[in-house]
Amino acid sequence: MKPNMGTADRVIRVILATVMAILYFTDTVGGTLGLVLLVLAAVFLLTSFMRFCPLYAPFGISTCKTK
Protein backbone atom coordinates (compact mmCIF):
# COMPACT_ATOMS: atom_id res chain seq x y z
CA MET A 1 0.00 0.00 0.00
CA LYS A 2 1.45 3.27 -1.11
CA PRO A 3 0.91 6.07 1.43
CA ASN A 4 -1.71 8.56 0.29
CA MET A 5 -2.21 10.70 3.41
CA GLY A 6 -0.20 13.78 4.25
CA THR A 7 0.74 15.06 7.68
CA ALA A 8 -2.11 17.57 7.98
CA ASP A 9 -4.68 14.92 7.04
CA ARG A 10 -3.27 12.51 9.61
CA VAL A 11 -3.22 15.11 12.40
CA ILE A 12 -6.83 16.12 11.69
CA ARG A 13 -7.93 12.49 11.81
CA VAL A 14 -6.18 11.87 15.13
CA ILE A 15 -7.78 14.99 16.64
CA LEU A 16 -11.23 13.98 15.38
CA ALA A 17 -10.78 10.43 16.68
CA THR A 18 -9.77 11.77 20.09
CA VAL A 19 -12.80 14.06 20.26
CA MET A 20 -15.12 11.21 19.23
CA ALA A 21 -13.66 8.88 21.85
CA ILE A 22 -13.96 11.54 24.56
CA LEU A 23 -17.60 12.15 23.64
CA TYR A 24 -18.33 8.44 23.90
CA PHE A 25 -16.46 7.73 27.13
CA THR A 26 -17.90 10.77 28.94
CA ASP A 27 -21.44 9.61 28.00
CA THR A 28 -22.09 12.78 26.06
CA VAL A 29 -23.04 10.64 23.06
CA GLY A 30 -24.43 7.20 23.71
CA GLY A 31 -26.44 4.42 22.16
CA THR A 32 -26.06 3.51 18.53
CA LEU A 33 -24.65 6.89 17.55
CA GLY A 34 -21.98 6.56 20.23
CA LEU A 35 -20.92 3.15 18.99
CA VAL A 36 -20.81 4.38 15.39
CA LEU A 37 -18.60 7.30 16.47
CA LEU A 38 -16.33 4.95 18.40
CA VAL A 39 -15.90 2.65 15.38
CA LEU A 40 -15.28 5.66 13.13
CA ALA A 41 -12.68 6.94 15.60
CA ALA A 42 -10.92 3.57 15.48
CA VAL A 43 -10.92 3.64 11.67
CA PHE A 44 -9.52 7.19 11.69
CA LEU A 45 -6.70 6.16 14.03
CA LEU A 46 -5.90 3.03 12.04
CA THR A 47 -5.78 4.84 8.71
CA SER A 48 -3.72 7.70 10.09
CA PHE A 49 -1.10 5.35 11.54
CA MET A 50 -0.98 3.33 8.31
CA ARG A 51 -0.80 6.55 6.23
CA PHE A 52 -3.22 4.94 3.78
CA CYS A 53 -6.91 5.66 3.26
CA PRO A 54 -8.71 3.00 1.21
CA LEU A 55 -11.39 5.50 0.14
CA TYR A 56 -8.77 7.76 -1.45
CA ALA A 57 -7.39 5.00 -3.72
CA PRO A 58 -10.31 4.53 -6.16
CA PHE A 59 -10.58 8.27 -6.68
CA GLY A 60 -6.83 8.82 -7.06
CA ILE A 61 -6.72 11.28 -4.16
CA SER A 62 -3.43 11.81 -2.38
CA THR A 63 -2.65 14.43 0.24
CA CYS A 64 1.02 13.43 0.40
CA LYS A 65 3.58 15.86 -0.84
CA THR A 66 5.19 14.63 -4.05
CA LYS A 67 8.96 14.34 -4.19
PDB file of N, CA and C in Angstrom:
ATOM      1  N   MET A   1       0.837  -1.180   0.000  1.00  0.00           N
ATOM      2  CA  MET A   1       0.000   0.000   0.000  1.00  0.00           C
ATOM      3  C   MET A   1       0.878   1.238   0.000  1.00  0.00           C
ATOM      4  N   LYS A   2       0.696   2.026  -0.993  1.00  0.00           N
ATOM      5  CA  LYS A   2       1.446   3.265  -1.113  1.00  0.00           C
ATOM      6  C   LYS A   2       0.773   4.340  -0.263  1.00  0.00           C
ATOM      7  N   PRO A   3       1.517   5.032   0.591  1.00  0.00           N
ATOM      8  CA  PRO A   3       0.907   6.073   1.432  1.00  0.00           C
ATOM      9  C   PRO A   3       0.221   7.144   0.581  1.00  0.00           C
ATOM     10  N   ASN A   4      -0.989   7.530   1.007  1.00  0.00           N
ATOM     11  CA  ASN A   4      -1.710   8.564   0.287  1.00  0.00           C
ATOM     12  C   ASN A   4      -2.270   9.641   1.217  1.00  0.00           C
ATOM     13  N   MET A   5      -1.752   9.696   2.448  1.00  0.00           N
ATOM     14  CA  MET A   5      -2.210  10.698   3.409  1.00  0.00           C
ATOM     15  C   MET A   5      -1.042  11.556   3.861  1.00  0.00           C
ATOM     16  N   GLY A   6      -1.224  12.851   3.802  1.00  0.00           N
ATOM     17  CA  GLY A   6      -0.205  13.778   4.248  1.00  0.00           C
ATOM     18  C   GLY A   6      -0.282  14.017   5.747  1.00  0.00           C
ATOM     19  N   THR A   7       0.645  14.793   6.249  1.00  0.00           N
ATOM     20  CA  THR A   7       0.737  15.057   7.684  1.00  0.00           C
ATOM     21  C   THR A   7      -0.491  15.786   8.216  1.00  0.00           C
ATOM     22  N   ALA A   8      -0.952  16.806   7.509  1.00  0.00           N
ATOM     23  CA  ALA A   8      -2.112  17.569   7.977  1.00  0.00           C
ATOM     24  C   ALA A   8      -3.348  16.678   8.054  1.00  0.00           C
ATOM     25  N   ASP A   9      -3.544  15.844   7.064  1.00  0.00           N
ATOM     26  CA  ASP A   9      -4.678  14.925   7.039  1.00  0.00           C
ATOM     27  C   ASP A   9      -4.614  13.962   8.222  1.00  0.00           C
ATOM     28  N   ARG A  10      -3.435  13.454   8.507  1.00  0.00           N
ATOM     29  CA  ARG A  10      -3.266  12.515   9.611  1.00  0.00           C
ATOM     30  C   ARG A  10      -3.523  13.176  10.956  1.00  0.00           C
ATOM     31  N   VAL A  11      -3.030  14.397  11.134  1.00  0.00           N
ATOM     32  CA  VAL A  11      -3.224  15.110  12.397  1.00  0.00           C
ATOM     33  C   VAL A  11      -4.707  15.403  12.621  1.00  0.00           C
ATOM     34  N   ILE A  12      -5.391  15.835  11.572  1.00  0.00           N
ATOM     35  CA  ILE A  12      -6.826  16.124  11.687  1.00  0.00           C
ATOM     36  C   ILE A  12      -7.599  14.868  12.071  1.00  0.00           C
ATOM     37  N   ARG A  13      -7.246  13.740  11.483  1.00  0.00           N
ATOM     38  CA  ARG A  13      -7.925  12.490  11.813  1.00  0.00           C
ATOM     39  C   ARG A  13      -7.680  12.064  13.262  1.00  0.00           C
ATOM     40  N   VAL A  14      -6.471  12.238  13.745  1.00  0.00           N
ATOM     41  CA  VAL A  14      -6.179  11.869  15.135  1.00  0.00           C
ATOM     42  C   VAL A  14      -6.958  12.776  16.089  1.00  0.00           C
ATOM     43  N   ILE A  15      -7.025  14.061  15.790  1.00  0.00           N
ATOM     44  CA  ILE A  15      -7.778  14.990  16.638  1.00  0.00           C
ATOM     45  C   ILE A  15      -9.265  14.624  16.641  1.00  0.00           C
ATOM     46  N   LEU A  16      -9.823  14.358  15.457  1.00  0.00           N
ATOM     47  CA  LEU A  16     -11.233  13.981  15.381  1.00  0.00           C
ATOM     48  C   LEU A  16     -11.505  12.673  16.123  1.00  0.00           C
ATOM     49  N   ALA A  17     -10.609  11.713  15.992  1.00  0.00           N
ATOM     50  CA  ALA A  17     -10.777  10.435  16.684  1.00  0.00           C
ATOM     51  C   ALA A  17     -10.737  10.628  18.194  1.00  0.00           C
ATOM     52  N   THR A  18      -9.863  11.496  18.666  1.00  0.00           N
ATOM     53  CA  THR A  18      -9.772  11.774  20.094  1.00  0.00           C
ATOM     54  C   THR A  18     -11.053  12.417  20.610  1.00  0.00           C
ATOM     55  N   VAL A  19     -11.561  13.391  19.862  1.00  0.00           N
ATOM     56  CA  VAL A  19     -12.804  14.057  20.261  1.00  0.00           C
ATOM     57  C   VAL A  19     -13.959  13.061  20.286  1.00  0.00           C
ATOM     58  N   MET A  20     -14.051  12.203  19.273  1.00  0.00           N
ATOM     59  CA  MET A  20     -15.123  11.205  19.230  1.00  0.00           C
ATOM     60  C   MET A  20     -15.034  10.246  20.410  1.00  0.00           C
ATOM     61  N   ALA A  21     -13.841   9.797  20.734  1.00  0.00           N
ATOM     62  CA  ALA A  21     -13.663   8.876  21.855  1.00  0.00           C
ATOM     63  C   ALA A  21     -14.018   9.550  23.175  1.00  0.00           C
ATOM     64  N   ILE A  22     -13.625  10.808  23.338  1.00  0.00           N
ATOM     65  CA  ILE A  22     -13.959  11.540  24.560  1.00  0.00           C
ATOM     66  C   ILE A  22     -15.468  11.691  24.700  1.00  0.00           C
ATOM     67  N   LEU A  23     -16.145  12.021  23.600  1.00  0.00           N
ATOM     68  CA  LEU A  23     -17.604  12.154  23.637  1.00  0.00           C
ATOM     69  C   LEU A  23     -18.273  10.846  24.035  1.00  0.00           C
ATOM     70  N   TYR A  24     -17.746   9.734  23.562  1.00  0.00           N
ATOM     71  CA  TYR A  24     -18.332   8.441  23.899  1.00  0.00           C
ATOM     72  C   TYR A  24     -18.067   8.071  25.357  1.00  0.00           C
ATOM     73  N   PHE A  25     -16.820   8.192  25.790  1.00  0.00           N
ATOM     74  CA  PHE A  25     -16.462   7.731  27.130  1.00  0.00           C
ATOM     75  C   PHE A  25     -16.942   8.653  28.247  1.00  0.00           C
ATOM     76  N   THR A  26     -17.323   9.877  27.934  1.00  0.00           N
ATOM     77  CA  THR A  26     -17.904  10.766  28.942  1.00  0.00           C
ATOM     78  C   THR A  26     -19.429  10.723  28.900  1.00  0.00           C
ATOM     79  N   ASP A  27     -19.989   9.795  28.154  1.00  0.00           N
ATOM     80  CA  ASP A  27     -21.436   9.606  28.004  1.00  0.00           C
ATOM     81  C   ASP A  27     -22.157  10.829  27.469  1.00  0.00           C
ATOM     82  N   THR A  28     -21.452  11.665  26.726  1.00  0.00           N
ATOM     83  CA  THR A  28     -22.095  12.781  26.056  1.00  0.00           C
ATOM     84  C   THR A  28     -22.904  12.265  24.876  1.00  0.00           C
ATOM     85  N   VAL A  29     -22.356  11.290  24.170  1.00  0.00           N
ATOM     86  CA  VAL A  29     -23.044  10.640  23.059  1.00  0.00           C
ATOM     87  C   VAL A  29     -23.109   9.157  23.403  1.00  0.00           C
ATOM     88  N   GLY A  30     -24.291   8.603  23.347  1.00  0.00           N
ATOM     89  CA  GLY A  30     -24.432   7.197  23.706  1.00  0.00           C
ATOM     90  C   GLY A  30     -25.282   6.461  22.701  1.00  0.00           C
ATOM     91  N   GLY A  31     -25.597   5.241  23.022  1.00  0.00           N
ATOM     92  CA  GLY A  31     -26.436   4.424  22.158  1.00  0.00           C
ATOM     93  C   GLY A  31     -25.751   4.054  20.862  1.00  0.00           C
ATOM     94  N   THR A  32     -26.567   3.911  19.837  1.00  0.00           N
ATOM     95  CA  THR A  32     -26.060   3.506  18.532  1.00  0.00           C
ATOM     96  C   THR A  32     -25.132   4.551  17.940  1.00  0.00           C
ATOM     97  N   LEU A  33     -25.497   5.816  18.066  1.00  0.00           N
ATOM     98  CA  LEU A  33     -24.648   6.887  17.546  1.00  0.00           C
ATOM     99  C   LEU A  33     -23.282   6.884  18.219  1.00  0.00           C
ATOM    100  N   GLY A  34     -23.245   6.633  19.514  1.00  0.00           N
ATOM    101  CA  GLY A  34     -21.981   6.565  20.231  1.00  0.00           C
ATOM    102  C   GLY A  34     -21.098   5.440  19.736  1.00  0.00           C
ATOM    103  N   LEU A  35     -21.697   4.282  19.493  1.00  0.00           N
ATOM    104  CA  LEU A  35     -20.918   3.147  18.986  1.00  0.00           C
ATOM    105  C   LEU A  35     -20.411   3.406  17.571  1.00  0.00           C
ATOM    106  N   VAL A  36     -21.245   4.048  16.749  1.00  0.00           N
ATOM    107  CA  VAL A  36     -20.812   4.383  15.395  1.00  0.00           C
ATOM    108  C   VAL A  36     -19.638   5.351  15.447  1.00  0.00           C
ATOM    109  N   LEU A  37     -19.710   6.350  16.326  1.00  0.00           N
ATOM    110  CA  LEU A  37     -18.602   7.304  16.471  1.00  0.00           C
ATOM    111  C   LEU A  37     -17.338   6.616  16.970  1.00  0.00           C
ATOM    112  N   LEU A  38     -17.490   5.668  17.875  1.00  0.00           N
ATOM    113  CA  LEU A  38     -16.329   4.952  18.404  1.00  0.00           C
ATOM    114  C   LEU A  38     -15.666   4.108  17.319  1.00  0.00           C
ATOM    115  N   VAL A  39     -16.451   3.440  16.491  1.00  0.00           N
ATOM    116  CA  VAL A  39     -15.898   2.651  15.379  1.00  0.00           C
ATOM    117  C   VAL A  39     -15.228   3.575  14.368  1.00  0.00           C
ATOM    118  N   LEU A  40     -15.864   4.699  14.064  1.00  0.00           N
ATOM    119  CA  LEU A  40     -15.280   5.663  13.132  1.00  0.00           C
ATOM    120  C   LEU A  40     -13.971   6.222  13.680  1.00  0.00           C
ATOM    121  N   ALA A  41     -13.913   6.460  14.978  1.00  0.00           N
ATOM    122  CA  ALA A  41     -12.679   6.936  15.600  1.00  0.00           C
ATOM    123  C   ALA A  41     -11.571   5.892  15.458  1.00  0.00           C
ATOM    124  N   ALA A  42     -11.914   4.631  15.626  1.00  0.00           N
ATOM    125  CA  ALA A  42     -10.921   3.566  15.478  1.00  0.00           C
ATOM    126  C   ALA A  42     -10.417   3.492  14.032  1.00  0.00           C
ATOM    127  N   VAL A  43     -11.313   3.653  13.078  1.00  0.00           N
ATOM    128  CA  VAL A  43     -10.920   3.641  11.667  1.00  0.00           C
ATOM    129  C   VAL A  43     -10.008   4.829  11.365  1.00  0.00           C
ATOM    130  N   PHE A  44     -10.357   6.003  11.898  1.00  0.00           N
ATOM    131  CA  PHE A  44      -9.522   7.190  11.692  1.00  0.00           C
ATOM    132  C   PHE A  44      -8.118   6.969  12.248  1.00  0.00           C
ATOM    133  N   LEU A  45      -8.018   6.409  13.445  1.00  0.00           N
ATOM    134  CA  LEU A  45      -6.701   6.156  14.033  1.00  0.00           C
ATOM    135  C   LEU A  45      -5.917   5.136  13.217  1.00  0.00           C
ATOM    136  N   LEU A  46      -6.575   4.073  12.809  1.00  0.00           N
ATOM    137  CA  LEU A  46      -5.901   3.031  12.040  1.00  0.00           C
ATOM    138  C   LEU A  46      -5.376   3.573  10.713  1.00  0.00           C
ATOM    139  N   THR A  47      -6.212   4.319  10.003  1.00  0.00           N
ATOM    140  CA  THR A  47      -5.776   4.841   8.710  1.00  0.00           C
ATOM    141  C   THR A  47      -4.692   5.901   8.862  1.00  0.00           C
ATOM    142  N   SER A  48      -4.751   6.678   9.931  1.00  0.00           N
ATOM    143  CA  SER A  48      -3.719   7.704  10.093  1.00  0.00           C
ATOM    144  C   SER A  48      -2.370   7.086  10.459  1.00  0.00           C
ATOM    145  N   PHE A  49      -2.367   5.995  11.213  1.00  0.00           N
ATOM    146  CA  PHE A  49      -1.103   5.346  11.537  1.00  0.00           C
ATOM    147  C   PHE A  49      -0.541   4.572  10.345  1.00  0.00           C
ATOM    148  N   MET A  50      -1.429   4.061   9.492  1.00  0.00           N
ATOM    149  CA  MET A  50      -0.978   3.334   8.307  1.00  0.00           C
ATOM    150  C   MET A  50      -0.608   4.279   7.166  1.00  0.00           C
ATOM    151  N   ARG A  51      -1.033   5.525   7.256  1.00  0.00           N
ATOM    152  CA  ARG A  51      -0.803   6.548   6.229  1.00  0.00           C
ATOM    153  C   ARG A  51      -1.460   6.177   4.905  1.00  0.00           C
ATOM    154  N   PHE A  52      -2.520   5.374   4.981  1.00  0.00           N
ATOM    155  CA  PHE A  52      -3.219   4.944   3.776  1.00  0.00           C
ATOM    156  C   PHE A  52      -4.716   4.957   4.028  1.00  0.00           C
ATOM    157  N   CYS A  53      -5.460   5.639   3.174  1.00  0.00           N
ATOM    158  CA  CYS A  53      -6.913   5.665   3.262  1.00  0.00           C
ATOM    159  C   CYS A  53      -7.468   4.900   2.067  1.00  0.00           C
ATOM    160  N   PRO A  54      -8.178   3.789   2.311  1.00  0.00           N
ATOM    161  CA  PRO A  54      -8.706   2.999   1.205  1.00  0.00           C
ATOM    162  C   PRO A  54      -9.726   3.760   0.350  1.00  0.00           C
ATOM    163  N   LEU A  55     -10.416   4.732   0.920  1.00  0.00           N
ATOM    164  CA  LEU A  55     -11.385   5.502   0.141  1.00  0.00           C
ATOM    165  C   LEU A  55     -10.716   6.470  -0.823  1.00  0.00           C
ATOM    166  N   TYR A  56      -9.487   6.850  -0.555  1.00  0.00           N
ATOM    167  CA  TYR A  56      -8.770   7.756  -1.451  1.00  0.00           C
ATOM    168  C   TYR A  56      -8.305   7.037  -2.721  1.00  0.00           C
ATOM    169  N   ALA A  57      -7.994   5.755  -2.610  1.00  0.00           N
ATOM    170  CA  ALA A  57      -7.386   4.998  -3.717  1.00  0.00           C
ATOM    171  C   ALA A  57      -8.248   4.958  -4.986  1.00  0.00           C
ATOM    172  N   PRO A  58      -9.535   4.601  -4.917  1.00  0.00           N
ATOM    173  CA  PRO A  58     -10.311   4.526  -6.163  1.00  0.00           C
ATOM    174  C   PRO A  58     -10.462   5.875  -6.869  1.00  0.00           C
ATOM    175  N   PHE A  59     -10.409   6.945  -6.098  1.00  0.00           N
ATOM    176  CA  PHE A  59     -10.575   8.274  -6.682  1.00  0.00           C
ATOM    177  C   PHE A  59      -9.250   8.933  -7.056  1.00  0.00           C
ATOM    178  N   GLY A  60      -8.142   8.282  -6.725  1.00  0.00           N
ATOM    179  CA  GLY A  60      -6.828   8.824  -7.061  1.00  0.00           C
ATOM    180  C   GLY A  60      -6.438  10.037  -6.220  1.00  0.00           C
ATOM    181  N   ILE A  61      -7.020  10.152  -5.037  1.00  0.00           N
ATOM    182  CA  ILE A  61      -6.723  11.282  -4.156  1.00  0.00           C
ATOM    183  C   ILE A  61      -5.462  10.969  -3.352  1.00  0.00           C
ATOM    184  N   SER A  62      -4.606  11.944  -3.206  1.00  0.00           N
ATOM    185  CA  SER A  62      -3.426  11.812  -2.375  1.00  0.00           C
ATOM    186  C   SER A  62      -3.112  13.174  -1.752  1.00  0.00           C
ATOM    187  N   THR A  63      -2.997  13.193  -0.430  1.00  0.00           N
ATOM    188  CA  THR A  63      -2.646  14.435   0.243  1.00  0.00           C
ATOM    189  C   THR A  63      -1.170  14.467   0.621  1.00  0.00           C
ATOM    190  N   CYS A  64      -0.422  13.452   0.172  1.00  0.00           N
ATOM    191  CA  CYS A  64       1.024  13.428   0.402  1.00  0.00           C
ATOM    192  C   CYS A  64       1.706  14.443  -0.505  1.00  0.00           C
ATOM    193  N   LYS A  65       2.773  14.983  -0.001  1.00  0.00           N
ATOM    194  CA  LYS A  65       3.576  15.856  -0.843  1.00  0.00           C
ATOM    195  C   LYS A  65       4.385  15.000  -1.797  1.00  0.00           C
ATOM    196  N   THR A  66       4.433  15.389  -3.058  1.00  0.00           N
ATOM    197  CA  THR A  66       5.188  14.630  -4.045  1.00  0.00           C
ATOM    198  C   THR A  66       6.654  15.035  -3.983  1.00  0.00           C
ATOM    199  N   LYS A  67       7.521  14.076  -4.225  1.00  0.00           N
ATOM    200  CA  LYS A  67       8.960  14.339  -4.186  1.00  0.00           C
ATOM    201  C   LYS A  67       9.476  14.668  -5.554  1.00  0.00           C
TER     202      LYS A  67
END
